[in-house]
Protein backbone atom coordinates (compact mmCIF):
# COMPACT_ATOMS: atom_id res chain seq x y z
CA MET A 1 0.00 0.00 0.00
CA MET A 2 2.82 2.41 0.87
CA ARG A 3 4.58 1.55 -2.36
CA LEU A 4 1.43 2.41 -4.35
CA ALA A 5 1.09 5.69 -2.45
CA ARG A 6 4.70 6.62 -3.24
CA LEU A 7 4.16 5.76 -6.89
CA VAL A 8 1.06 7.95 -7.09
CA LEU A 9 2.86 10.79 -5.29
CA ARG A 10 5.81 10.66 -7.68
CA SER A 11 3.44 10.84 -10.65
CA VAL A 12 1.24 13.62 -9.24
CA ALA A 13 3.98 15.78 -7.69
CA PRO A 14 5.27 17.20 -11.02
CA PHE A 15 1.76 18.41 -11.91
CA LEU A 16 1.25 20.01 -8.50
CA ALA A 17 4.63 21.75 -8.75
CA ALA A 18 4.08 22.92 -12.34
CA LEU A 19 0.52 24.23 -11.97
CA PRO A 20 1.22 27.42 -9.95
CA VAL A 21 4.24 28.21 -12.14
CA LEU A 22 2.15 27.88 -15.29
CA TRP A 23 -0.61 30.07 -13.82
CA PHE A 24 1.96 32.76 -13.10
CA VAL A 25 3.53 32.48 -16.58
CA GLN A 26 0.14 32.68 -18.23
CA GLY A 27 -0.64 35.92 -16.44
CA ALA A 28 2.79 37.42 -17.07
CA LEU A 29 3.33 36.63 -20.76
CA PRO A 30 1.99 38.93 -23.53
CA SER A 31 -0.25 37.24 -26.11
CA TYR A 32 2.50 36.82 -28.73
CA TYR A 33 4.90 35.13 -26.32
CA SER A 34 2.05 32.94 -25.04
CA PHE A 35 1.52 31.76 -28.61
CA VAL A 36 5.25 31.00 -28.98
CA PHE A 37 5.20 29.14 -25.65
CA ILE A 38 2.29 26.98 -26.83
CA ASN A 39 4.08 26.22 -30.11
CA ILE A 40 7.15 25.16 -28.14
CA ALA A 41 5.01 22.99 -25.85
CA VAL A 42 3.31 21.28 -28.79
CA ASN A 43 6.65 20.52 -30.44
CA VAL A 44 8.10 19.23 -27.16
CA ILE A 45 5.15 16.83 -26.80
CA LEU A 46 5.65 15.65 -30.40
CA ALA A 47 9.41 15.19 -30.04
CA VAL A 48 9.31 13.38 -26.69
CA SER A 49 6.48 11.10 -27.82
CA LEU A 50 8.26 10.20 -31.09
CA ASN A 51 11.41 9.50 -29.07
CA VAL A 52 9.55 6.63 -27.42
CA VAL A 53 9.54 4.85 -30.80
CA ASN A 54 12.60 6.21 -32.57
CA GLY A 55 14.84 6.63 -29.52
CA PHE A 56 13.82 4.11 -26.87
CA THR A 57 12.85 1.29 -29.24
CA GLY A 58 15.24 2.02 -32.10
CA GLN A 59 12.56 1.99 -34.82
CA PHE A 60 12.21 4.66 -37.51
CA SER A 61 8.76 6.18 -37.87
CA ILE A 62 8.21 9.16 -40.16
CA GLY A 63 4.41 9.37 -39.97
CA HIS A 64 3.96 11.13 -36.64
CA ALA A 65 1.89 13.94 -38.19
CA ALA A 66 -0.80 11.39 -39.09
CA PHE A 67 -1.48 10.58 -35.42
CA MET A 68 -1.38 14.28 -34.67
CA ALA A 69 -4.10 14.76 -37.30
CA VAL A 70 -6.29 12.00 -35.85
CA GLY A 71 -6.12 13.56 -32.38
CA ALA A 72 -6.70 17.07 -33.72
CA TYR A 73 -9.78 16.21 -35.78
CA THR A 74 -11.28 14.01 -33.05
CA ALA A 75 -10.92 16.74 -30.44
CA ALA A 76 -12.27 19.34 -32.89
CA LEU A 77 -15.39 17.26 -33.53
CA VAL A 78 -15.97 16.83 -29.79
CA THR A 79 -15.59 20.51 -28.90
CA THR A 80 -17.64 21.80 -31.84
CA GLY A 81 -20.35 19.23 -31.15
CA MET A 82 -20.50 20.18 -27.44
CA GLU A 83 -19.95 23.91 -27.84
CA ALA A 84 -23.49 24.76 -26.66
CA PHE A 85 -23.39 22.10 -23.93
CA GLN A 86 -23.28 23.28 -20.31
CA VAL A 87 -22.48 20.90 -17.45
CA VAL A 88 -25.19 21.30 -14.82
CA GLY A 89 -23.92 22.70 -11.53
CA LEU A 90 -20.65 24.03 -12.92
CA PRO A 91 -19.75 27.62 -13.87
CA PRO A 92 -19.18 28.20 -17.62
CA ALA A 93 -15.37 28.26 -17.30
CA ALA A 94 -15.28 24.96 -15.40
CA SER A 95 -17.76 23.40 -17.85
CA ASP A 96 -15.60 24.44 -20.82
CA ALA A 97 -12.50 23.06 -19.11
CA LEU A 98 -14.24 19.72 -18.52
CA ILE A 99 -15.41 19.54 -22.15
CA PHE A 100 -11.90 20.32 -23.38
CA PHE A 101 -10.42 17.67 -21.10
CA VAL A 102 -12.86 15.10 -22.51
CA ALA A 103 -11.93 16.24 -26.04
CA LEU A 104 -8.21 15.79 -25.30
CA LEU A 105 -8.82 12.29 -23.93
CA ALA A 106 -10.93 11.42 -26.98
CA GLY A 107 -8.19 12.69 -29.28
CA MET A 108 -5.57 10.62 -27.48
CA ALA A 109 -7.80 7.52 -27.54
CA MET A 110 -8.47 7.74 -31.27
CA ALA A 111 -4.81 8.46 -32.04
CA SER A 112 -3.74 5.46 -29.97
CA LEU A 113 -6.28 3.31 -31.82
CA ALA A 114 -4.79 4.52 -35.12
CA GLY A 115 -1.35 3.67 -33.74
CA LEU A 116 -2.56 0.17 -32.87
CA LEU A 117 -4.07 -0.35 -36.34
CA VAL A 118 -0.88 0.67 -38.13
CA GLY A 119 1.44 -0.88 -35.54
CA ILE A 120 0.16 -4.46 -35.51
CA PRO A 121 0.83 -5.21 -39.20
CA SER A 122 3.82 -2.90 -39.75
CA LEU A 123 6.01 -3.38 -36.68
CA ARG A 124 7.04 -6.84 -37.80
CA LEU A 125 9.09 -4.87 -40.31
CA ARG A 126 12.35 -3.11 -39.53
CA GLY A 127 14.40 -0.14 -40.67
CA ASP A 128 13.58 1.39 -44.03
CA TYR A 129 10.53 -0.84 -44.54
CA LEU A 130 8.90 0.48 -41.38
CA ALA A 131 9.69 4.06 -42.41
CA ILE A 132 7.99 3.52 -45.77
CA VAL A 133 4.89 2.03 -44.12
CA THR A 134 4.51 4.92 -41.66
CA LEU A 135 5.05 7.42 -44.48
CA GLY A 136 2.31 5.72 -46.51
CA PHE A 137 -0.03 5.69 -43.53
CA GLY A 138 0.48 9.41 -43.03
CA GLU A 139 -0.44 10.13 -46.63
CA ILE A 140 -3.49 7.85 -46.44
CA ILE A 141 -4.79 9.74 -43.39
CA ARG A 142 -4.30 13.10 -45.08
CA VAL A 143 -6.05 12.01 -48.30
CA VAL A 144 -8.96 10.47 -46.36
CA ILE A 145 -9.45 13.73 -44.43
CA GLU A 146 -9.36 15.77 -47.65
CA ASN A 147 -12.19 13.65 -49.07
CA THR A 148 -14.41 13.38 -45.98
CA ARG A 149 -17.23 15.91 -45.88
CA VAL A 150 -17.82 15.79 -42.13
CA LEU A 151 -14.15 16.74 -41.60
CA GLY A 152 -14.43 19.78 -43.87
CA GLN A 153 -12.45 18.16 -46.69
CA ALA A 154 -9.53 20.34 -47.90
CA THR A 155 -10.80 23.48 -46.12
CA GLY A 156 -10.89 21.78 -42.72
CA ILE A 157 -12.88 22.91 -39.69
CA SER A 158 -12.73 26.53 -38.56
CA GLY A 159 -14.19 28.45 -35.64
CA LEU A 160 -12.92 26.08 -32.97
CA PRO A 161 -13.13 27.36 -29.39
CA ALA A 162 -9.83 28.82 -28.15
CA TYR A 163 -9.46 26.50 -25.17
CA THR A 164 -5.69 25.97 -25.28
CA ASN A 165 -3.65 28.30 -23.10
CA VAL A 166 -0.27 28.25 -21.36
CA VAL A 167 -1.58 26.10 -18.50
CA TRP A 168 -3.11 23.42 -20.73
CA ALA A 169 -0.03 23.31 -22.99
CA GLY A 170 2.38 23.24 -20.05
CA MET A 171 0.49 20.46 -18.31
CA GLY A 172 0.58 18.51 -21.58
CA VAL A 173 4.37 18.82 -21.59
CA VAL A 174 4.56 17.67 -17.96
CA ALA A 175 2.34 14.67 -18.71
CA THR A 176 4.46 13.68 -21.71
CA VAL A 177 7.80 14.01 -19.91
CA VAL A 178 6.51 12.14 -16.84
CA MET A 179 5.18 9.37 -19.11
CA ALA A 180 8.50 9.04 -20.94
CA ARG A 181 10.56 9.15 -17.75
CA ARG A 182 8.41 6.58 -15.92
CA LEU A 183 8.41 4.33 -18.99
CA LEU A 184 12.19 4.55 -19.41
CA LEU A 185 12.85 3.57 -15.78
CA SER A 186 10.34 0.70 -15.76
CA THR A 187 10.87 -2.95 -16.68
CA GLN A 188 8.94 -2.20 -19.88
CA GLY A 189 11.48 0.51 -20.68
CA ARG A 190 14.32 -1.95 -20.22
CA ALA A 191 12.62 -4.24 -22.72
CA LEU A 192 12.38 -1.36 -25.23
CA LEU A 193 16.05 -0.51 -24.75
CA ALA A 194 16.98 -4.16 -25.25
CA ILE A 195 15.09 -4.14 -28.55
CA ARG A 196 16.95 -0.99 -29.58
CA GLU A 197 20.37 -2.43 -28.81
CA ASP A 198 19.85 -5.83 -30.45
CA GLU A 199 16.40 -7.02 -31.44
CA VAL A 200 17.52 -10.55 -32.29
CA ALA A 201 19.26 -10.99 -28.94
CA ALA A 202 16.27 -9.52 -27.08
CA GLU A 203 13.93 -11.96 -28.80
CA ALA A 204 16.28 -14.85 -27.98
CA MET A 205 16.12 -13.82 -24.30
CA GLY A 206 12.32 -14.09 -24.34
CA VAL A 207 11.34 -10.45 -24.96
CA ASP A 208 8.11 -10.12 -26.93
CA THR A 209 9.68 -7.72 -29.43
CA VAL A 210 6.63 -7.17 -31.64
CA GLY A 211 4.32 -6.75 -28.65
CA TRP A 212 6.55 -4.17 -26.98
CA LYS A 213 7.09 -2.27 -30.21
CA VAL A 214 3.31 -2.07 -30.73
CA ARG A 215 2.83 -0.80 -27.16
CA ALA A 216 5.47 1.87 -27.68
CA PHE A 217 3.84 2.86 -30.97
CA VAL A 218 0.42 3.18 -29.32
CA ILE A 219 1.78 5.34 -26.47
CA SER A 220 3.67 7.54 -28.92
CA ALA A 221 0.59 7.96 -31.13
CA ALA A 222 -1.62 8.89 -28.17
CA PHE A 223 0.60 11.81 -27.15
CA ALA A 224 0.93 12.93 -30.77
CA GLY A 225 -2.87 13.15 -30.75
CA LEU A 226 -2.66 15.27 -27.59
CA ALA A 227 -0.27 17.68 -29.33
CA GLY A 228 -2.59 17.99 -32.32
CA ALA A 229 -5.63 18.67 -30.14
CA LEU A 230 -3.80 21.38 -28.19
CA LEU A 231 -2.51 23.09 -31.33
CA VAL A 232 -5.80 23.38 -33.20
CA HIS A 233 -7.62 24.74 -30.16
CA LYS A 234 -5.11 27.57 -30.03
CA ILE A 235 -5.22 28.61 -33.69
CA GLN A 236 -8.97 27.74 -33.84
CA LEU A 237 -8.55 25.94 -37.16
CA VAL A 238 -7.69 22.45 -38.35
CA THR A 239 -6.86 21.61 -41.98
CA PRO A 240 -5.09 18.67 -43.70
CA ARG A 241 -2.25 20.99 -44.77
CA MET A 242 -1.11 21.18 -41.15
CA PHE A 243 -0.22 17.46 -41.08
CA THR A 244 1.93 16.83 -44.12
CA PHE A 245 5.14 14.80 -44.49
CA VAL A 246 7.10 18.02 -43.82
CA LYS A 247 5.63 18.23 -40.30
CA SER A 248 6.60 14.62 -39.59
CA MET A 249 10.15 15.31 -40.72
CA GLU A 250 10.35 18.41 -38.51
CA VAL A 251 9.63 16.20 -35.50
CA VAL A 252 12.18 13.59 -36.63
CA VAL A 253 14.80 16.36 -36.90
CA MET A 254 14.03 17.44 -33.33
CA VAL A 255 14.51 13.90 -32.04
CA VAL A 256 17.75 13.32 -33.96
CA LEU A 257 19.17 16.72 -33.04
CA GLY A 258 18.38 16.28 -29.35
CA GLY A 259 19.78 12.75 -29.22
CA MET A 260 18.05 9.44 -29.92
CA GLY A 261 16.75 8.18 -26.60
CA SER A 262 17.28 11.39 -24.60
CA ILE A 263 14.14 12.98 -23.15
CA THR A 264 16.10 16.08 -22.19
CA GLY A 265 17.55 16.28 -25.68
CA SER A 266 14.09 16.19 -27.27
CA VAL A 267 12.86 18.98 -24.98
CA VAL A 268 15.88 21.21 -25.65
CA ALA A 269 15.98 20.53 -29.41
CA ALA A 270 12.24 21.16 -29.83
CA THR A 271 12.57 24.44 -27.92
CA LEU A 272 15.62 25.62 -29.87
CA LEU A 273 14.21 24.72 -33.29
CA THR A 274 10.84 26.34 -32.58
CA VAL A 275 12.50 29.54 -31.37
CA ALA A 276 14.87 29.49 -34.37
CA LEU A 277 12.02 29.15 -36.86
CA GLU A 278 10.10 31.94 -35.13
CA SER A 279 13.16 34.21 -35.02
CA LEU A 280 13.84 33.69 -38.73
CA GLN A 281 10.37 34.84 -39.78
CA ALA A 282 11.84 38.20 -40.83
CA ALA A 283 14.25 36.46 -43.21
CA ASP A 284 11.27 35.56 -45.44
CA GLN A 285 12.46 33.45 -48.43
CA TYR A 286 15.88 32.79 -46.88
CA ARG A 287 14.35 31.49 -43.66
CA MET A 288 14.50 27.77 -44.46
CA VAL A 289 17.94 28.09 -46.08
CA ILE A 290 19.40 29.64 -42.91
CA PHE A 291 17.57 27.10 -40.76
CA SER A 292 18.92 24.19 -42.83
CA LEU A 293 22.49 25.53 -42.63
CA LEU A 294 22.21 25.76 -38.84
CA LEU A 295 21.04 22.13 -38.70
CA ILE A 296 23.94 21.01 -40.92
CA VAL A 297 26.48 22.78 -38.69
CA LEU A 298 24.95 21.29 -35.53
CA MET A 299 24.91 17.75 -36.93
CA LEU A 300 28.52 18.04 -38.15
CA THR A 301 29.69 19.22 -34.74
CA ARG A 302 27.36 16.96 -32.70
CA PRO A 303 26.58 13.85 -34.81
CA SER A 304 25.09 12.01 -31.82
CA GLY A 305 22.81 14.94 -31.01
CA LEU A 306 23.01 17.54 -28.29
CA PHE A 307 22.66 15.03 -25.44
CA GLY A 308 23.27 11.65 -27.09
CA THR A 309 21.46 9.16 -24.85
CA ARG A 310 22.16 11.12 -21.67
CA GLU A 311 19.69 13.01 -19.47
CA ILE A 312 20.31 16.22 -17.57
CA TRP A 313 19.02 14.71 -14.32
CA ASP A 314 21.61 11.91 -14.56
CA ALA A 315 24.38 14.52 -14.25
CA VAL A 316 22.90 16.15 -11.13
CA PRO A 317 23.65 13.28 -8.68
CA ARG A 318 27.22 13.04 -10.02
CA TRP A 319 27.67 16.78 -9.57
CA LEU A 320 26.37 16.56 -6.00
CA ARG A 321 28.71 13.66 -5.22
CA ARG A 322 31.71 15.59 -6.55
CA ARG A 323 30.73 18.57 -4.39
CA ALA A 324 30.42 16.32 -1.35
CA ASP A 325 33.85 14.80 -2.07
CA GLY A 326 35.44 18.24 -2.25
CA GLY A 327 35.53 18.49 -6.04
CA THR A 328 37.26 15.15 -6.69
CA PRO A 329 35.99 13.54 -9.98
């Protein structure tokens, strides 16, 4: 019983610590910087969630935008369908928050289902074959959306309620990082790392390689759906053009630049790349050229990524031990 209580406390504590900070930031930031913060948060969620597949498990998925689209459209349908709904006994703000929370959960559930559907047949493949399958799945999702009337076809769905704010986006980041951290330190995480290092050896030792890869894919897809739902309820619009192959590759770049398997690296890389793209808006037509050159320089100087497979919190205990030993390495 005590062990369960400690487990719950460790999972809940980051949310309790982050909530007052996010409330303060939301009140202090001007609207433009709030928008940039939300963009950073969405990209962090995407990068960390993709790292579960590409980094922890050693697979190569390039269709992450498809799961983002599934979550975004599902949440959009829920919020637009319940826009006039009022929960009895709750003030309007609390009712809207509850509806949005339900929409986020629905988006994650549908995205995870999509991850399961694509994961079961495709994750028996490896390497380039898996990348091609996920790429094809992403294009299928986009074409289906463009030809479905209830989803607005190519024009999408506009007029979504602006539910997403700094608090919602920040709590999404906390949830994603906590998920990835708890998964990495669990026995399930050790199984994923074993698959990454040597899938044949892991299978010979009794690890259900296909089963664990599918589970990782489902978890990754669910949080991609969360990112999509948060984004569209900030810009109040969802269209198929938001979820192209280019978006998937942006997320892959964030994971590779941060370091395959590093949660900290994904957070830092997503933040840096989002800020860089925003800062280069004034460069107009040279924006992507400058951005690409920066990426080339970074990958030449840091081929394993900014953090490799290391985490920033792994260095803290070592630093404390050196301080306690009087600075001796």
